[in-house]
C-alpha atoms as a PDB file:
ATOM      1  CA  UNK A   1      17.052 -18.333  -5.566  1.00  0.00           C
ATOM      2  CA  UNK A   2      17.231 -14.647  -5.424  1.00  0.00           C
ATOM      3  CA  UNK A   3      16.149 -12.373  -7.853  1.00  0.00           C
ATOM      4  CA  UNK A   4      18.789 -10.003  -9.906  1.00  0.00           C
ATOM      5  CA  UNK A   5      16.483  -6.858  -8.775  1.00  0.00           C
ATOM      6  CA  UNK A   6      14.257  -6.386  -5.766  1.00  0.00           C
ATOM      7  CA  UNK A   7      11.567  -3.840  -6.158  1.00  0.00           C
ATOM      8  CA  UNK A   8      10.956  -1.260  -3.113  1.00  0.00           C
ATOM      9  CA  UNK A   9       7.645  -0.492  -2.196  1.00  0.00           C
ATOM     10  CA  UNK A  10       7.876   2.450   0.650  1.00  0.00           C
ATOM     11  CA  UNK A  11       5.058   1.177   2.498  1.00  0.00           C
ATOM     12  CA  UNK A  12       2.459   3.889   3.546  1.00  0.00           C
ATOM     13  CA  UNK A  13       4.770   6.172   1.861  1.00  0.00           C
ATOM     14  CA  UNK A  14       7.738   5.959   4.649  1.00  0.00           C
ATOM     15  CA  UNK A  15       6.386   5.556   7.650  1.00  0.00           C
ATOM     16  CA  UNK A  16      10.012   5.455   9.486  1.00  0.00           C
ATOM     17  CA  UNK A  17      10.874   8.855   7.980  1.00  0.00           C
ATOM     18  CA  UNK A  18       7.764  11.142   7.555  1.00  0.00           C
ATOM     19  CA  UNK A  19       4.245  10.844   8.074  1.00  0.00           C
ATOM     20  CA  UNK A  20       2.257   7.546   7.449  1.00  0.00           C
ATOM     21  CA  UNK A  21       0.082   8.266   4.079  1.00  0.00           C
ATOM     22  CA  UNK A  22       0.916  11.946   3.537  1.00  0.00           C
ATOM     23  CA  UNK A  23       1.303  13.408   0.314  1.00  0.00           C
ATOM     24  CA  UNK A  24       4.863  14.499   2.166  1.00  0.00           C
ATOM     25  CA  UNK A  25       5.369  10.550   2.774  1.00  0.00           C
ATOM     26  CA  UNK A  26       5.441   9.819  -0.680  1.00  0.00           C
ATOM     27  CA  UNK A  27       6.956  12.878  -2.193  1.00  0.00           C
ATOM     28  CA  UNK A  28       9.616  12.119   0.191  1.00  0.00           C
ATOM     29  CA  UNK A  29       9.432   8.113  -0.850  1.00  0.00           C
ATOM     30  CA  UNK A  30      10.201   9.015  -4.621  1.00  0.00           C
ATOM     31  CA  UNK A  31      12.767  11.435  -3.979  1.00  0.00           C
ATOM     32  CA  UNK A  32      14.527   7.962  -2.015  1.00  0.00           C
ATOM     33  CA  UNK A  33      14.025   6.026  -5.291  1.00  0.00           C
ATOM     34  CA  UNK A  34      11.111   3.723  -4.327  1.00  0.00           C
ATOM     35  CA  UNK A  35       9.354   1.397  -7.149  1.00  0.00           C
ATOM     36  CA  UNK A  36       5.889   2.021  -6.101  1.00  0.00           C
ATOM     37  CA  UNK A  37       4.218   3.705  -3.263  1.00  0.00           C
ATOM     38  CA  UNK A  38       2.154   1.528  -0.844  1.00  0.00           C
ATOM     39  CA  UNK A  39      -0.656   3.147   0.838  1.00  0.00           C
ATOM     40  CA  UNK A  40      -4.436   2.699   1.820  1.00  0.00           C
ATOM     41  CA  UNK A  41      -7.326   3.099   0.786  1.00  0.00           C
ATOM     42  CA  UNK A  42     -10.779   4.534   2.870  1.00  0.00           C
ATOM     43  CA  UNK A  43     -14.154   6.006   1.705  1.00  0.00           C
ATOM     44  CA  UNK A  44     -15.990   8.907   2.929  1.00  0.00           C
ATOM     45  CA  UNK A  45     -19.391   9.373   3.544  1.00  0.00           C
ATOM     46  CA  UNK A  46     -19.264  11.561   0.219  1.00  0.00           C
ATOM     47  CA  UNK A  47     -17.975   8.436  -1.523  1.00  0.00           C
ATOM     48  CA  UNK A  48     -14.426   9.945  -2.188  1.00  0.00           C
ATOM     49  CA  UNK A  49     -11.707   7.585  -2.069  1.00  0.00           C
ATOM     50  CA  UNK A  50      -8.858   8.907   0.427  1.00  0.00           C
ATOM     51  CA  UNK A  51      -5.683   7.161   1.362  1.00  0.00           C
ATOM     52  CA  UNK A  52      -6.254   6.500   5.278  1.00  0.00           C
ATOM     53  CA  UNK A  53      -5.140   2.722   6.782  1.00  0.00           C
ATOM     54  CA  UNK A  54      -7.421   3.045   9.962  1.00  0.00           C
ATOM     55  CA  UNK A  55     -11.127   2.825   9.947  1.00  0.00           C
ATOM     56  CA  UNK A  56     -11.123   5.533  12.289  1.00  0.00           C
ATOM     57  CA  UNK A  57      -9.222   8.738  12.302  1.00  0.00           C
ATOM     58  CA  UNK A  58      -6.200   7.591  14.565  1.00  0.00           C
ATOM     59  CA  UNK A  59      -5.648   9.784  17.919  1.00  0.00           C
ATOM     60  CA  UNK A  60      -2.479   8.926  18.325  1.00  0.00           C
ATOM     61  CA  UNK A  61      -0.905  10.136  14.840  1.00  0.00           C
ATOM     62  CA  UNK A  62      -3.735  12.842  14.418  1.00  0.00           C
ATOM     63  CA  UNK A  63      -5.601  16.250  15.699  1.00  0.00           C
ATOM     64  CA  UNK A  64      -8.869  17.671  14.824  1.00  0.00           C
ATOM     65  CA  UNK A  65     -12.725  17.676  15.295  1.00  0.00           C
ATOM     66  CA  UNK A  66     -13.680  14.187  15.265  1.00  0.00           C
ATOM     67  CA  UNK A  67     -11.146  12.065  16.326  1.00  0.00           C
ATOM     68  CA  UNK A  68     -11.979   8.426  16.728  1.00  0.00           C
ATOM     69  CA  UNK A  69     -14.962   8.610  14.300  1.00  0.00           C
ATOM     70  CA  UNK A  70     -15.570   6.215  10.924  1.00  0.00           C
ATOM     71  CA  UNK A  71     -13.963   7.557   7.901  1.00  0.00           C
ATOM     72  CA  UNK A  72     -16.935   6.344   6.250  1.00  0.00           C
ATOM     73  CA  UNK A  73     -18.927   8.772   8.644  1.00  0.00           C
ATOM     74  CA  UNK A  74     -17.216  11.790   7.769  1.00  0.00           C
ATOM     75  CA  UNK A  75     -17.597  13.956   4.317  1.00  0.00           C
ATOM     76  CA  UNK A  76     -13.870  15.095   2.929  1.00  0.00           C
ATOM     77  CA  UNK A  77     -14.525  18.326   3.863  1.00  0.00           C
ATOM     78  CA  UNK A  78     -15.101  17.256   7.787  1.00  0.00           C
ATOM     79  CA  UNK A  79     -11.797  14.858   6.824  1.00  0.00           C
ATOM     80  CA  UNK A  80      -9.496  17.696   5.944  1.00  0.00           C
ATOM     81  CA  UNK A  81      -9.834  19.328   8.967  1.00  0.00           C
ATOM     82  CA  UNK A  82      -7.477  17.115  10.807  1.00  0.00           C
ATOM     83  CA  UNK A  83      -3.601  17.313  10.681  1.00  0.00           C
ATOM     84  CA  UNK A  84      -2.044  14.071  10.576  1.00  0.00           C
ATOM     85  CA  UNK A  85       1.542  15.318  10.336  1.00  0.00           C
ATOM     86  CA  UNK A  86       2.030  17.234  13.806  1.00  0.00           C
ATOM     87  CA  UNK A  87       2.025  14.267  15.660  1.00  0.00           C
ATOM     88  CA  UNK A  88       5.640  12.054  16.260  1.00  0.00           C
ATOM     89  CA  UNK A  89       4.817   8.719  15.702  1.00  0.00           C
ATOM     90  CA  UNK A  90       6.091   7.125  19.235  1.00  0.00           C
ATOM     91  CA  UNK A  91       6.848   4.093  16.722  1.00  0.00           C
ATOM     92  CA  UNK A  92       9.116   5.421  14.419  1.00  0.00           C
ATOM     93  CA  UNK A  93      11.459   8.089  16.641  1.00  0.00           C
ATOM     94  CA  UNK A  94      13.185   9.382  13.394  1.00  0.00           C
ATOM     95  CA  UNK A  95      10.132  10.615  11.784  1.00  0.00           C
ATOM     96  CA  UNK A  96      10.112  13.989  10.811  1.00  0.00           C
ATOM     97  CA  UNK A  97       6.995  15.777  11.438  1.00  0.00           C
ATOM     98  CA  UNK A  98       5.138  18.154   8.330  1.00  0.00           C
ATOM     99  CA  UNK A  99       2.360  20.088  10.301  1.00  0.00           C
ATOM    100  CA  UNK A 100      -0.348  20.318   8.387  1.00  0.00           C
ATOM    101  CA  UNK A 101      -0.440  17.661   6.075  1.00  0.00           C
ATOM    102  CA  UNK A 102      -4.016  15.743   5.919  1.00  0.00           C
ATOM    103  CA  UNK A 103      -5.471  12.805   4.532  1.00  0.00           C
ATOM    104  CA  UNK A 104      -5.236  12.847   1.252  1.00  0.00           C
ATOM    105  CA  UNK A 105      -7.370  11.926  -1.629  1.00  0.00           C
ATOM    106  CA  UNK A 106      -6.659   9.214  -4.282  1.00  0.00           C
ATOM    107  CA  UNK A 107      -6.766  11.814  -6.538  1.00  0.00           C
ATOM    108  CA  UNK A 108      -3.940  14.072  -5.066  1.00  0.00           C
ATOM    109  CA  UNK A 109      -2.142  10.886  -4.527  1.00  0.00           C
ATOM    110  CA  UNK A 110      -2.211  10.179  -8.208  1.00  0.00           C
ATOM    111  CA  UNK A 111      -1.185  13.511  -9.208  1.00  0.00           C
ATOM    112  CA  UNK A 112       2.166  13.217  -7.893  1.00  0.00           C
ATOM    113  CA  UNK A 113       2.723  10.860 -10.777  1.00  0.00           C
ATOM    114  CA  UNK A 114       2.364  13.968 -12.964  1.00  0.00           C
ATOM    115  CA  UNK A 115       5.612  15.339 -11.368  1.00  0.00           C
ATOM    116  CA  UNK A 116       8.662  17.222 -12.736  1.00  0.00           C
ATOM    117  CA  UNK A 117      10.833  14.445 -11.585  1.00  0.00           C
ATOM    118  CA  UNK A 118      11.307  11.393 -14.286  1.00  0.00           C
ATOM    119  CA  UNK A 119      10.606   8.845 -11.583  1.00  0.00           C
ATOM    120  CA  UNK A 120       7.406  10.585 -10.578  1.00  0.00           C
ATOM    121  CA  UNK A 121       5.953   9.274 -13.634  1.00  0.00           C
ATOM    122  CA  UNK A 122       7.329   6.147 -13.558  1.00  0.00           C
ATOM    123  CA  UNK A 123       6.111   5.460  -9.884  1.00  0.00           C
ATOM    124  CA  UNK A 124       4.124   2.494  -9.532  1.00  0.00           C
ATOM    125  CA  UNK A 125       0.971   2.632  -6.707  1.00  0.00           C
ATOM    126  CA  UNK A 126       0.582  -0.464  -4.835  1.00  0.00           C
ATOM    127  CA  UNK A 127      -3.297  -0.090  -3.231  1.00  0.00           C
ATOM    128  CA  UNK A 128      -4.556  -1.781   0.020  1.00  0.00           C
ATOM    129  CA  UNK A 129      -8.654  -1.715  -0.199  1.00  0.00           C
ATOM    130  CA  UNK A 130      -9.566  -1.500   3.687  1.00  0.00           C
ATOM    131  CA  UNK A 131     -12.938  -3.353   4.145  1.00  0.00           C
ATOM    132  CA  UNK A 132     -13.760  -5.120   7.291  1.00  0.00           C
ATOM    133  CA  UNK A 133     -16.580  -8.062   6.533  1.00  0.00           C
ATOM    134  CA  UNK A 134     -17.545  -7.959   9.680  1.00  0.00           C
ATOM    135  CA  UNK A 135     -17.729  -4.169  10.336  1.00  0.00           C
ATOM    136  CA  UNK A 136     -19.736  -3.176   7.253  1.00  0.00           C
ATOM    137  CA  UNK A 137     -21.054   0.162   8.064  1.00  0.00           C
ATOM    138  CA  UNK A 138     -17.427   1.128   7.766  1.00  0.00           C
ATOM    139  CA  UNK A 139     -17.137   0.800   4.158  1.00  0.00           C
ATOM    140  CA  UNK A 140     -18.950   1.088   1.493  1.00  0.00           C
ATOM    141  CA  UNK A 141     -20.070  -2.466  -0.427  1.00  0.00           C
ATOM    142  CA  UNK A 142     -17.198  -4.366  -2.022  1.00  0.00           C
ATOM    143  CA  UNK A 143     -18.742  -3.379  -5.560  1.00  0.00           C
ATOM    144  CA  UNK A 144     -18.861   0.303  -5.274  1.00  0.00           C
ATOM    145  CA  UNK A 145     -15.951   0.630  -3.554  1.00  0.00           C
ATOM    146  CA  UNK A 146     -14.300  -1.820  -6.156  1.00  0.00           C
ATOM    147  CA  UNK A 147     -16.000   0.783  -8.720  1.00  0.00           C
ATOM    148  CA  UNK A 148     -14.943   3.913  -7.033  1.00  0.00           C
ATOM    149  CA  UNK A 149     -11.471   2.963  -6.706  1.00  0.00           C
ATOM    150  CA  UNK A 150     -11.880   1.553 -11.128  1.00  0.00           C
ATOM    151  CA  UNK A 151     -12.992   4.993 -11.984  1.00  0.00           C
ATOM    152  CA  UNK A 152     -10.058   6.895 -10.077  1.00  0.00           C
ATOM    153  CA  UNK A 153      -7.905   4.736 -11.636  1.00  0.00           C
ATOM    154  CA  UNK A 154      -9.078   5.008 -15.177  1.00  0.00           C
ATOM    155  CA  UNK A 155      -9.540   9.005 -14.573  1.00  0.00           C
ATOM    156  CA  UNK A 156      -5.517   9.695 -14.459  1.00  0.00           C
ATOM    157  CA  UNK A 157      -4.932   6.611 -17.134  1.00  0.00           C
ATOM    158  CA  UNK A 158      -2.949   4.284 -14.508  1.00  0.00           C
ATOM    159  CA  UNK A 159      -4.395   1.053 -14.998  1.00  0.00           C
ATOM    160  CA  UNK A 160      -0.755  -0.117 -16.537  1.00  0.00           C
ATOM    161  CA  UNK A 161       0.949   1.419 -13.074  1.00  0.00           C
ATOM    162  CA  UNK A 162      -1.548  -0.196 -10.099  1.00  0.00           C
ATOM    163  CA  UNK A 163      -1.950  -2.887  -7.981  1.00  0.00           C
ATOM    164  CA  UNK A 164      -4.726  -3.502  -5.693  1.00  0.00           C
ATOM    165  CA  UNK A 165      -4.048  -5.924  -3.029  1.00  0.00           C
ATOM    166  CA  UNK A 166      -6.512  -6.858  -0.008  1.00  0.00           C
ATOM    167  CA  UNK A 167      -7.334  -9.334   2.607  1.00  0.00           C
ATOM    168  CA  UNK A 168     -11.035  -9.673   1.493  1.00  0.00           C
ATOM    169  CA  UNK A 169     -11.389 -11.327  -1.806  1.00  0.00           C
ATOM    170  CA  UNK A 170     -14.430  -9.020  -2.313  1.00  0.00           C
ATOM    171  CA  UNK A 171     -12.526  -6.277  -3.597  1.00  0.00           C
ATOM    172  CA  UNK A 172     -10.682  -8.711  -6.333  1.00  0.00           C
ATOM    173  CA  UNK A 173     -13.505 -10.425  -7.568  1.00  0.00           C
ATOM    174  CA  UNK A 174     -14.888  -7.062  -8.381  1.00  0.00           C
ATOM    175  CA  UNK A 175     -11.875  -4.933 -10.147  1.00  0.00           C
ATOM    176  CA  UNK A 176     -11.393  -8.351 -11.972  1.00  0.00           C
ATOM    177  CA  UNK A 177     -14.452  -7.796 -13.177  1.00  0.00           C
ATOM    178  CA  UNK A 178     -14.561  -4.579 -13.723  1.00  0.00           C
ATOM    179  CA  UNK A 179     -10.951  -4.742 -15.335  1.00  0.00           C
ATOM    180  CA  UNK A 180      -9.381  -8.134 -14.961  1.00  0.00           C
ATOM    181  CA  UNK A 181      -5.643  -6.837 -16.826  1.00  0.00           C
ATOM    182  CA  UNK A 182      -5.173  -4.633 -13.152  1.00  0.00           C
ATOM    183  CA  UNK A 183      -2.731  -6.965 -11.215  1.00  0.00           C
ATOM    184  CA  UNK A 184      -4.834  -8.281  -7.819  1.00  0.00           C
ATOM    185  CA  UNK A 185      -2.464  -9.221  -5.113  1.00  0.00           C
ATOM    186  CA  UNK A 186      -3.679 -11.710  -2.120  1.00  0.00           C
ATOM    187  CA  UNK A 187      -2.605 -10.400   1.378  1.00  0.00           C
ATOM    188  CA  UNK A 188      -1.399 -12.665   3.217  1.00  0.00           C
ATOM    189  CA  UNK A 189      -0.977 -13.255   7.257  1.00  0.00           C
ATOM    190  CA  UNK A 190      -1.611 -16.549   8.251  1.00  0.00           C
ATOM    191  CA  UNK A 191      -0.656 -20.184   7.664  1.00  0.00           C
ATOM    192  CA  UNK A 192      -2.888 -21.198   4.613  1.00  0.00           C
ATOM    193  CA  UNK A 193      -1.497 -22.664   1.248  1.00  0.00           C
ATOM    194  CA  UNK A 194      -0.566 -19.776  -1.485  1.00  0.00           C
ATOM    195  CA  UNK A 195      -1.917 -21.553  -4.143  1.00  0.00           C
ATOM    196  CA  UNK A 196      -5.151 -22.141  -2.638  1.00  0.00           C
ATOM    197  CA  UNK A 197      -5.916 -18.640  -1.559  1.00  0.00           C
ATOM    198  CA  UNK A 198      -4.552 -17.207  -5.073  1.00  0.00           C
ATOM    199  CA  UNK A 199      -7.654 -19.660  -6.338  1.00  0.00           C
ATOM    200  CA  UNK A 200      -9.829 -18.158  -3.769  1.00  0.00           C
ATOM    201  CA  UNK A 201      -8.651 -14.485  -4.481  1.00  0.00           C
ATOM    202  CA  UNK A 202      -8.724 -14.905  -8.178  1.00  0.00           C
ATOM    203  CA  UNK A 203      -5.333 -12.581  -7.578  1.00  0.00           C
ATOM    204  CA  UNK A 204      -2.408 -12.691 -10.107  1.00  0.00           C
ATOM    205  CA  UNK A 205       0.083 -12.234  -7.367  1.00  0.00           C
ATOM    206  CA  UNK A 206       1.082 -12.691  -3.278  1.00  0.00           C
ATOM    207  CA  UNK A 207       1.876  -9.991  -1.173  1.00  0.00           C
ATOM    208  CA  UNK A 208       2.349 -12.220   2.368  1.00  0.00           C
ATOM    209  CA  UNK A 209       3.654 -11.243   5.709  1.00  0.00           C
ATOM    210  CA  UNK A 210       7.659 -11.551   5.730  1.00  0.00           C
ATOM    211  CA  UNK A 211       7.525 -14.304   8.056  1.00  0.00           C
ATOM    212  CA  UNK A 212       5.358 -16.493   5.992  1.00  0.00           C
ATOM    213  CA  UNK A 213       8.154 -16.017   3.100  1.00  0.00           C
ATOM    214  CA  UNK A 214      10.077 -19.729   2.589  1.00  0.00           C
ATOM    215  CA  UNK A 215      12.332 -20.152  -0.586  1.00  0.00           C
ATOM    216  CA  UNK A 216       9.640 -23.159  -1.162  1.00  0.00           C
ATOM    217  CA  UNK A 217       6.677 -21.370  -1.287  1.00  0.00           C
ATOM    218  CA  UNK A 218       8.422 -18.238  -3.462  1.00  0.00           C
ATOM    219  CA  UNK A 219       9.277 -21.032  -5.819  1.00  0.00           C
ATOM    220  CA  UNK A 220       5.928 -22.676  -6.128  1.00  0.00           C
ATOM    221  CA  UNK A 221       4.473 -19.181  -7.292  1.00  0.00           C
ATOM    222  CA  UNK A 222       6.880 -18.703  -9.415  1.00  0.00           C
ATOM    223  CA  UNK A 223       6.376 -21.887 -10.751  1.00  0.00           C
ATOM    224  CA  UNK A 224       2.565 -20.616 -11.189  1.00  0.00           C
ATOM    225  CA  UNK A 225       3.354 -17.574 -13.013  1.00  0.00           C
ATOM    226  CA  UNK A 226       2.888 -15.483  -9.782  1.00  0.00           C
ATOM    227  CA  UNK A 227       5.478 -12.575  -8.180  1.00  0.00           C
ATOM    228  CA  UNK A 228       5.791 -12.085  -4.558  1.00  0.00           C
ATOM    229  CA  UNK A 229       5.593  -8.981  -2.603  1.00  0.00           C
ATOM    230  CA  UNK A 230       6.756  -9.154   0.911  1.00  0.00           C
ATOM    231  CA  UNK A 231       5.299  -7.011   3.872  1.00  0.00           C
ATOM    232  CA  UNK A 232       6.384  -5.151   6.114  1.00  0.00           C
ATOM    233  CA  UNK A 233      10.510  -5.466   6.551  1.00  0.00           C
ATOM    234  CA  UNK A 234      11.907  -2.955   8.326  1.00  0.00           C
ATOM    235  CA  UNK A 235      15.777  -4.828   9.451  1.00  0.00           C
ATOM    236  CA  UNK A 236      18.761  -5.506   7.783  1.00  0.00           C
ATOM    237  CA  UNK A 237      18.493  -9.510   8.456  1.00  0.00           C
ATOM    238  CA  UNK A 238      14.773  -9.738   7.809  1.00  0.00           C
ATOM    239  CA  UNK A 239      15.633  -8.084   3.808  1.00  0.00           C
ATOM    240  CA  UNK A 240      18.627 -10.512   3.570  1.00  0.00           C
ATOM    241  CA  UNK A 241      15.793 -13.595   4.400  1.00  0.00           C
ATOM    242  CA  UNK A 242      13.466 -12.464   2.060  1.00  0.00           C
ATOM    243  CA  UNK A 243      15.423 -11.677  -0.571  1.00  0.00           C
ATOM    244  CA  UNK A 244      17.428 -15.057  -0.476  1.00  0.00           C
ATOM    245  CA  UNK A 245      14.237 -16.825  -0.291  1.00  0.00           C
ATOM    246  CA  UNK A 246      13.652 -15.003  -3.809  1.00  0.00           C
ATOM    247  CA  UNK A 247      10.902 -12.375  -3.347  1.00  0.00           C
ATOM    248  CA  UNK A 248      10.365  -9.948  -6.023  1.00  0.00           C
ATOM    249  CA  UNK A 249       9.444  -7.071  -3.986  1.00  0.00           C
ATOM    250  CA  UNK A 250       9.777  -5.723  -0.860  1.00  0.00           C
ATOM    251  CA  UNK A 251       7.497  -3.846   1.254  1.00  0.00           C
ATOM    252  CA  UNK A 252       9.369  -1.210   3.779  1.00  0.00           C
ATOM    253  CA  UNK A 253       8.446   1.402   6.487  1.00  0.00           C
ATOM    254  CA  UNK A 254      12.012   2.881   5.139  1.00  0.00           C
ATOM    255  CA  UNK A 255      12.716   2.641   1.496  1.00  0.00           C
ATOM    256  CA  UNK A 256      15.276   4.840   1.413  1.00  0.00           C
ATOM    257  CA  UNK A 257      17.288   2.252   3.523  1.00  0.00           C
ATOM    258  CA  UNK A 258      16.213  -0.801   1.779  1.00  0.00           C
ATOM    259  CA  UNK A 259      17.241   0.911  -1.166  1.00  0.00           C
ATOM    260  CA  UNK A 260      21.053   1.404  -0.276  1.00  0.00           C
ATOM    261  CA  UNK A 261      21.384  -1.989   1.484  1.00  0.00           C
ATOM    262  CA  UNK A 262      20.344  -3.679  -2.244  1.00  0.00           C
ATOM    263  CA  UNK A 263      22.195  -1.628  -4.054  1.00  0.00           C
ATOM    264  CA  UNK A 264      25.279  -2.878  -1.687  1.00  0.00           C
ATOM    265  CA  UNK A 265      24.064  -6.331  -2.426  1.00  0.00           C
ATOM    266  CA  UNK A 266      23.821  -5.759  -6.434  1.00  0.00           C
ATOM    267  CA  UNK A 267      20.095  -6.342  -6.234  1.00  0.00           C
ATOM    268  CA  UNK A 268      18.938  -2.452  -6.327  1.00  0.00           C
END
């Protein structure tokens, strides 16, 4: 059964329209009316939490002196020497470039919550911790990673406006120890039983890849008291399918178009 109101999470800000995981992209998404900003977290050599999807600096969308270097091997000062807004993303032809946009810190993104826009002061943050069990050198250990995120959340007094999601349960276990009240989402991309995953991850909600969403799975999640956020959904026919399945939130690269679609359907 459809939810009466489906929340919109801007994937990496609004990747279809602005450079991903940049302050410009997050500002665009806020102005478009998203309910939450979805973003990815990495950690520099000097233990600063930054907003970056790839464990290495992506030469396809960034320019600078350390392309393909692991984020974890660079200091924040070295990372900030890269421009990740000037190069067009070939996957998103309607994306507007923003020359000079650099990889932001999580602190800088959280500062957007103090903006003059009333919506900015209520915006939620869906944080994905990027950690790789097979490549431990690319990140801090899970406990330190979780602590650095937790410390930043509480420094900005945003515990009530944050979700932490991850494919790796270790981060969620560590966050539960630090603050069990912060929602924890299990990211799903394989065909496993959702409730089994929830128990393993000690998760409080689900974040499945959209092809995995069915009305039966969403109903079972709701019966267990857990909400469902589906990713990454960019086409109207797929919005329709996950909406019909009853998801609570949709994560999209084109949140402005999704918001318009939801309003037309009476779901926004």
